[in-house]
Protein backbone atom coordinates (compact mmCIF):
# COMPACT_ATOMS: atom_id res chain seq x y z
CA UNK A 1 211.54 -26.20 128.52
CA UNK A 2 208.30 -26.86 126.63
CA UNK A 3 206.40 -24.45 128.91
CA UNK A 4 208.99 -21.75 128.22
CA UNK A 5 208.36 -22.12 124.48
CA UNK A 6 204.59 -21.87 125.06
CA UNK A 7 205.03 -18.67 127.12
CA UNK A 8 207.29 -17.17 124.43
CA UNK A 9 204.81 -18.00 121.66
CA UNK A 10 201.94 -16.55 123.71
CA UNK A 11 203.81 -13.31 124.34
CA UNK A 12 204.79 -13.00 120.67
CA UNK A 13 201.18 -13.58 119.58
CA UNK A 14 199.93 -10.90 121.99
CA UNK A 15 202.46 -8.35 120.70
CA UNK A 16 201.66 -9.08 117.07
CA UNK A 17 197.91 -8.65 117.61
CA UNK A 18 198.44 -5.39 119.53
CA UNK A 19 200.46 -4.00 116.59
CA UNK A 20 197.78 -5.11 114.17
CA UNK A 21 195.05 -3.36 116.19
CA UNK A 22 197.07 -0.13 116.23
CA UNK A 23 197.70 -0.30 112.49
CA UNK A 24 194.00 -0.87 111.81
CA UNK A 25 193.09 2.20 113.86
CA UNK A 26 195.56 4.38 111.93
CA UNK A 27 194.29 3.02 108.62
CA UNK A 28 190.68 3.59 109.69
CA UNK A 29 191.44 7.21 110.59
CA UNK A 30 193.06 7.86 107.20
CA UNK A 31 190.24 6.08 105.38
CA UNK A 32 187.57 7.93 107.35
CA UNK A 33 189.11 11.31 106.54
CA UNK A 34 189.53 10.46 102.86
CA UNK A 35 185.96 9.17 102.55
CA UNK A 36 184.59 12.22 104.37
CA UNK A 37 186.42 14.53 101.95
CA UNK A 38 184.84 12.71 99.00
CA UNK A 39 181.50 14.15 100.20
CA UNK A 40 182.63 17.80 99.90
CA UNK A 41 180.03 19.96 98.19
CA UNK A 42 177.02 17.75 98.91
CA UNK A 43 174.27 20.19 99.93
CA UNK A 44 172.86 20.68 103.41
CA UNK A 45 169.50 19.00 103.94
CA UNK A 46 167.78 19.12 107.32
CA UNK A 47 167.30 15.50 108.42
CA UNK A 48 169.39 14.30 105.48
CA UNK A 49 171.69 11.32 105.70
CA UNK A 50 172.45 10.43 102.09
CA UNK A 51 174.32 11.77 99.07
CA UNK A 52 171.27 13.84 98.14
CA UNK A 53 171.93 15.96 101.24
CA UNK A 54 173.18 15.83 104.83
CA UNK A 55 172.52 17.59 108.06
CA UNK A 56 175.53 17.63 110.41
CA UNK A 57 174.80 14.40 112.28
CA UNK A 58 173.54 12.69 109.13
CA UNK A 59 176.92 13.40 107.52
CA UNK A 60 178.94 12.04 110.46
CA UNK A 61 176.63 9.01 110.68
CA UNK A 62 176.97 8.35 106.93
CA UNK A 63 180.78 8.48 107.04
CA UNK A 64 181.20 6.17 110.02
CA UNK A 65 178.45 3.80 108.86
CA UNK A 66 180.42 3.31 105.62
CA UNK A 67 183.14 1.69 107.79
CA UNK A 68 180.72 -0.30 109.94
CA UNK A 69 181.28 1.96 112.96
CA UNK A 70 178.03 2.65 114.83
CA UNK A 71 177.48 6.27 115.86
CA UNK A 72 174.43 8.34 116.74
CA UNK A 73 172.20 9.66 113.99
CA UNK A 74 171.47 12.77 116.08
CA UNK A 75 173.92 15.33 117.45
CA UNK A 76 172.53 15.03 120.98
CA UNK A 77 173.16 11.29 120.83
CA UNK A 78 176.89 12.01 121.30
CA UNK A 79 176.35 13.34 124.83
CA UNK A 80 177.90 10.43 126.73
CA UNK A 81 179.74 8.71 123.88
CA UNK A 82 183.40 8.14 123.15
CA UNK A 83 186.48 9.04 125.11
CA UNK A 84 187.05 12.77 125.58
CA UNK A 85 190.20 14.11 123.93
CA UNK A 86 191.93 17.43 124.63
CA UNK A 87 191.29 19.66 121.61
CA UNK A 88 194.99 20.32 121.00
CA UNK A 89 195.64 16.55 121.04
CA UNK A 90 192.79 15.67 118.66
CA UNK A 91 193.46 13.37 115.72
CA UNK A 92 191.95 12.94 112.28
CA UNK A 93 188.76 10.91 112.63
CA UNK A 94 187.88 12.24 116.08
CA UNK A 95 184.41 13.77 116.40
CA UNK A 96 184.17 17.45 117.37
CA UNK A 97 181.06 18.62 119.24
CA UNK A 98 179.56 22.09 119.34
CA UNK A 99 176.47 23.82 120.65
CA UNK A 100 173.72 24.72 118.22
CA UNK A 101 173.67 28.25 116.81
CA UNK A 102 172.92 29.70 120.25
CA UNK A 103 176.25 29.28 122.09
CA UNK A 104 174.59 30.13 125.41
CA UNK A 105 172.67 26.83 125.31
CA UNK A 106 175.50 24.46 126.25
CA UNK A 107 174.02 21.32 124.68
CA UNK A 108 175.30 19.48 121.64
CA UNK A 109 173.70 20.86 118.52
CA UNK A 110 176.38 20.43 115.84
CA UNK A 111 178.99 17.76 115.05
CA UNK A 112 181.88 17.34 112.65
CA UNK A 113 184.95 15.18 112.04
CA UNK A 114 188.52 16.34 112.68
CA UNK A 115 190.49 16.31 109.42
CA UNK A 116 193.79 17.71 110.58
CA UNK A 117 195.55 19.02 113.67
CA UNK A 118 198.77 20.76 112.66
CA UNK A 119 200.32 22.10 115.87
CA UNK A 120 196.94 23.19 117.20
CA UNK A 121 195.58 24.51 113.88
CA UNK A 122 192.51 22.33 113.49
CA UNK A 123 190.48 21.69 110.35
CA UNK A 124 187.20 19.83 110.56
CA UNK A 125 184.67 18.66 108.01
CA UNK A 126 180.94 18.98 108.57
CA UNK A 127 177.66 19.71 106.89
CA UNK A 128 176.75 23.33 107.49
CA UNK A 129 173.45 25.13 107.08
CA UNK A 130 175.22 28.51 106.96
CA UNK A 131 174.50 30.55 103.83
CA UNK A 132 178.21 31.36 103.67
CA UNK A 133 179.45 27.73 103.86
CA UNK A 134 176.45 25.66 102.78
CA UNK A 135 176.66 21.84 102.73
CA UNK A 136 179.65 19.60 103.36
CA UNK A 137 182.58 21.91 103.88
CA UNK A 138 185.94 22.18 105.65
CA UNK A 139 186.32 24.80 108.38
CA UNK A 140 189.46 26.03 110.14
CA UNK A 141 188.31 25.84 113.75
CA UNK A 142 190.80 28.39 115.10
CA UNK A 143 189.55 31.27 112.95
CA UNK A 144 185.85 30.46 112.96
CA UNK A 145 182.77 31.30 114.95
CA UNK A 146 182.79 27.71 116.19
CA UNK A 147 185.37 28.54 118.88
CA UNK A 148 182.66 30.06 121.11
CA UNK A 149 180.38 27.07 120.41
CA UNK A 150 183.00 24.38 121.15
CA UNK A 151 182.05 21.72 123.71
CA UNK A 152 184.57 18.88 123.33
CA UNK A 153 186.28 16.35 121.06
CA UNK A 154 185.65 12.63 121.41
CA UNK A 155 187.43 9.55 120.11
CA UNK A 156 184.88 6.92 119.11
CA UNK A 157 187.42 4.62 117.46
CA UNK A 158 188.79 2.97 120.62
C-alpha cells in the first residue's frame, strides 16, 4: 500500500510540474510580445542592439536577452536554431526569418518576432531599415513585400 501512495504522489508531482512549464511558456510569450512592443519607434541603427537603435537581429536579441533567453546576435545565426513551425500555426513570440533585401538569395538576412496570428493574418515586430517603415515597427506579413522574402518561422522557446 505504501508503494501505491509513492507512485500516486510521483504521478501527481509530474503532472503539476508539466502544467507549470506550460504556464511559464504562455506567460513568457505574452511578456515577450509586450516587451517587444515597448520598443516601438526606436530608430534603426546598423549593428545596433540597444535603446539608442537596433538592427533587426539586435532588436530580437535585445528582447529575448531581457528574459534570459539566449539567441543569436546575427540574423544568419538562426540558420539551424529552434523548431520549425508552419507559418499558419505560428504563435506570438516565435521568430520569423526572411531573406535580405534580395529575395533571390535564399539565406537569412532579416528577423522579427511574431506578435499575432489571427486566422492566418500575421503581424510581426522588427527593426526595419526601410525609409517607409524606419526603426522598430509592426508589419502585417500578409500584405507586405516580406511574403516573397519569407523563409520560415521557428520556435526558440521549447
